[in-house]
Amino acid sequence: MAPRKPVAVDLDLDALAREATDDKTPFTFRIHGQVFSLADATECDFRVLDALDQGQLADAIRLLLGDEQYAKFTTKPVSIKALKDILGGWSNHKGLTLGE
């Protein structure tokens, strides 16, 4: 059997990920005496964008925190203002604005 000819690829996301020089500094915040870390904007689940676009802030923060941190995060009430401040801080940390 002859060796397979490489398939031409227009966009190699694997190569881009290896070459990425993006600042991977996590965004952390403290609330109710606990420190949390949000997923990096370049590594978070794409559904975060849909949740933010639809104004589903609870879904967005759940996706960014992950299940384990989200369980701790929701042990005490979190105001809508605090949630907006957290998401705003996260987006500013990566040079984005909410809605992007």
C-alpha atoms as a PDB file:
ATOM      1  CA  MET A   1       0.000   0.000   0.000  1.00  0.00           C
ATOM      2  CA  ALA A   2       1.399   3.396  -0.999  1.00  0.00           C
ATOM      3  CA  PRO A   3       1.852   6.057   1.708  1.00  0.00           C
ATOM      4  CA  ARG A   4      -1.012   8.518   1.970  1.00  0.00           C
ATOM      5  CA  LYS A   5      -0.485  11.944   0.542  1.00  0.00           C
ATOM      6  CA  PRO A   6      -0.834  14.678   3.207  1.00  0.00           C
ATOM      7  CA  VAL A   7      -4.158  16.471   3.091  1.00  0.00           C
ATOM      8  CA  ALA A   8      -3.921  20.216   2.510  1.00  0.00           C
ATOM      9  CA  VAL A   9      -5.320  22.137   5.474  1.00  0.00           C
ATOM     10  CA  ASP A  10      -6.400  25.751   5.250  1.00  0.00           C
ATOM     11  CA  LEU A  11      -6.432  26.399   8.990  1.00  0.00           C
ATOM     12  CA  ASP A  12      -4.396  24.246  11.363  1.00  0.00           C
ATOM     13  CA  LEU A  13      -5.734  25.001  14.837  1.00  0.00           C
ATOM     14  CA  ASP A  14      -3.356  22.470  16.372  1.00  0.00           C
ATOM     15  CA  ALA A  15      -0.363  24.379  14.987  1.00  0.00           C
ATOM     16  CA  LEU A  16      -1.810  27.688  16.151  1.00  0.00           C
ATOM     17  CA  ALA A  17      -2.277  26.309  19.659  1.00  0.00           C
ATOM     18  CA  ARG A  18       1.360  25.172  19.737  1.00  0.00           C
ATOM     19  CA  GLU A  19       2.543  28.581  18.537  1.00  0.00           C
ATOM     20  CA  ALA A  20       0.271  30.635  20.782  1.00  0.00           C
ATOM     21  CA  THR A  21       2.070  33.288  22.780  1.00  0.00           C
ATOM     22  CA  ASP A  22      -1.110  34.591  24.380  1.00  0.00           C
ATOM     23  CA  ASP A  23      -0.836  35.545  28.045  1.00  0.00           C
ATOM     24  CA  LYS A  24      -2.192  32.545  29.924  1.00  0.00           C
ATOM     25  CA  THR A  25      -2.314  34.375  33.258  1.00  0.00           C
ATOM     26  CA  PRO A  26      -5.550  33.189  34.855  1.00  0.00           C
ATOM     27  CA  PHE A  27      -8.149  35.662  36.031  1.00  0.00           C
ATOM     28  CA  THR A  28      -8.749  35.123  39.721  1.00  0.00           C
ATOM     29  CA  PHE A  29     -11.189  36.780  42.089  1.00  0.00           C
ATOM     30  CA  ARG A  30     -12.144  36.547  45.744  1.00  0.00           C
ATOM     31  CA  ILE A  31     -15.703  36.391  47.036  1.00  0.00           C
ATOM     32  CA  HIS A  32     -16.985  35.223  50.439  1.00  0.00           C
ATOM     33  CA  GLY A  33     -13.384  34.606  51.511  1.00  0.00           C
ATOM     34  CA  GLN A  34     -12.692  32.101  48.725  1.00  0.00           C
ATOM     35  CA  VAL A  35     -10.479  32.551  45.672  1.00  0.00           C
ATOM     36  CA  PHE A  36     -11.718  31.352  42.283  1.00  0.00           C
ATOM     37  CA  SER A  37     -10.022  31.152  38.892  1.00  0.00           C
ATOM     38  CA  LEU A  38     -11.829  31.531  35.575  1.00  0.00           C
ATOM     39  CA  ALA A  39     -10.926  29.665  32.427  1.00  0.00           C
ATOM     40  CA  ASP A  40      -8.642  31.520  30.032  1.00  0.00           C
ATOM     41  CA  ALA A  41     -10.530  33.193  27.189  1.00  0.00           C
ATOM     42  CA  THR A  42      -8.553  31.182  24.623  1.00  0.00           C
ATOM     43  CA  GLU A  43      -9.330  27.871  26.321  1.00  0.00           C
ATOM     44  CA  CYS A  44     -12.891  28.283  27.568  1.00  0.00           C
ATOM     45  CA  ASP A  45     -15.823  26.380  26.129  1.00  0.00           C
ATOM     46  CA  PHE A  46     -17.336  28.119  23.100  1.00  0.00           C
ATOM     47  CA  ARG A  47     -20.765  27.975  24.779  1.00  0.00           C
ATOM     48  CA  VAL A  48     -19.598  30.789  27.093  1.00  0.00           C
ATOM     49  CA  LEU A  49     -20.004  33.184  24.156  1.00  0.00           C
ATOM     50  CA  ASP A  50     -23.552  32.002  23.496  1.00  0.00           C
ATOM     51  CA  ALA A  51     -24.440  32.309  27.174  1.00  0.00           C
ATOM     52  CA  LEU A  52     -23.046  35.842  27.365  1.00  0.00           C
ATOM     53  CA  ASP A  53     -24.741  36.837  24.101  1.00  0.00           C
ATOM     54  CA  GLN A  54     -28.085  35.603  25.462  1.00  0.00           C
ATOM     55  CA  GLY A  55     -27.579  37.271  28.838  1.00  0.00           C
ATOM     56  CA  GLN A  56     -27.348  33.901  30.599  1.00  0.00           C
ATOM     57  CA  LEU A  57     -24.754  35.004  33.139  1.00  0.00           C
ATOM     58  CA  ALA A  58     -25.231  32.005  35.440  1.00  0.00           C
ATOM     59  CA  ASP A  59     -24.531  29.595  32.568  1.00  0.00           C
ATOM     60  CA  ALA A  60     -21.470  31.602  31.514  1.00  0.00           C
ATOM     61  CA  ILE A  61     -19.955  31.628  35.009  1.00  0.00           C
ATOM     62  CA  ARG A  62     -20.684  27.898  35.434  1.00  0.00           C
ATOM     63  CA  LEU A  63     -18.819  27.129  32.207  1.00  0.00           C
ATOM     64  CA  LEU A  64     -15.901  29.400  33.143  1.00  0.00           C
ATOM     65  CA  LEU A  65     -15.539  28.047  36.672  1.00  0.00           C
ATOM     66  CA  GLY A  66     -16.099  24.372  35.959  1.00  0.00           C
ATOM     67  CA  ASP A  67     -18.278  22.071  38.050  1.00  0.00           C
ATOM     68  CA  GLU A  68     -16.089  21.848  41.166  1.00  0.00           C
ATOM     69  CA  GLN A  69     -15.531  25.589  41.590  1.00  0.00           C
ATOM     70  CA  TYR A  70     -19.131  26.371  40.611  1.00  0.00           C
ATOM     71  CA  ALA A  71     -20.410  24.153  43.424  1.00  0.00           C
ATOM     72  CA  LYS A  72     -18.303  26.159  45.919  1.00  0.00           C
ATOM     73  CA  PHE A  73     -19.221  29.478  44.270  1.00  0.00           C
ATOM     74  CA  THR A  74     -22.938  28.862  44.718  1.00  0.00           C
ATOM     75  CA  THR A  75     -22.832  27.891  48.401  1.00  0.00           C
ATOM     76  CA  LYS A  76     -23.635  31.531  49.275  1.00  0.00           C
ATOM     77  CA  PRO A  77     -25.760  34.100  47.436  1.00  0.00           C
ATOM     78  CA  VAL A  78     -24.008  36.117  44.717  1.00  0.00           C
ATOM     79  CA  SER A  79     -25.596  39.384  43.605  1.00  0.00           C
ATOM     80  CA  ILE A  80     -26.187  40.156  39.952  1.00  0.00           C
ATOM     81  CA  LYS A  81     -23.853  43.149  40.330  1.00  0.00           C
ATOM     82  CA  ALA A  82     -21.083  40.912  41.697  1.00  0.00           C
ATOM     83  CA  LEU A  83     -21.590  38.459  38.844  1.00  0.00           C
ATOM     84  CA  LYS A  84     -21.444  41.259  36.264  1.00  0.00           C
ATOM     85  CA  ASP A  85     -18.312  42.648  37.949  1.00  0.00           C
ATOM     86  CA  ILE A  86     -16.642  39.224  37.813  1.00  0.00           C
ATOM     87  CA  LEU A  87     -17.475  38.667  34.151  1.00  0.00           C
ATOM     88  CA  GLY A  88     -16.508  42.243  33.305  1.00  0.00           C
ATOM     89  CA  GLY A  89     -13.187  41.843  35.097  1.00  0.00           C
ATOM     90  CA  TRP A  90     -12.539  38.572  33.259  1.00  0.00           C
ATOM     91  CA  SER A  91     -13.270  40.100  29.876  1.00  0.00           C
ATOM     92  CA  ASN A  92     -11.143  43.189  30.625  1.00  0.00           C
ATOM     93  CA  HIS A  93      -8.311  40.921  31.797  1.00  0.00           C
ATOM     94  CA  LYS A  94      -8.212  39.467  28.280  1.00  0.00           C
ATOM     95  CA  GLY A  95      -8.805  42.760  26.482  1.00  0.00           C
ATOM     96  CA  LEU A  96     -12.374  41.908  25.491  1.00  0.00           C
ATOM     97  CA  THR A  97     -15.661  43.608  26.163  1.00  0.00           C
ATOM     98  CA  LEU A  98     -18.776  41.700  27.189  1.00  0.00           C
ATOM     99  CA  GLY A  99     -20.686  40.843  24.073  1.00  0.00           C
ATOM    100  CA  GLU A 100     -17.608  40.008  21.981  1.00  0.00           C
END
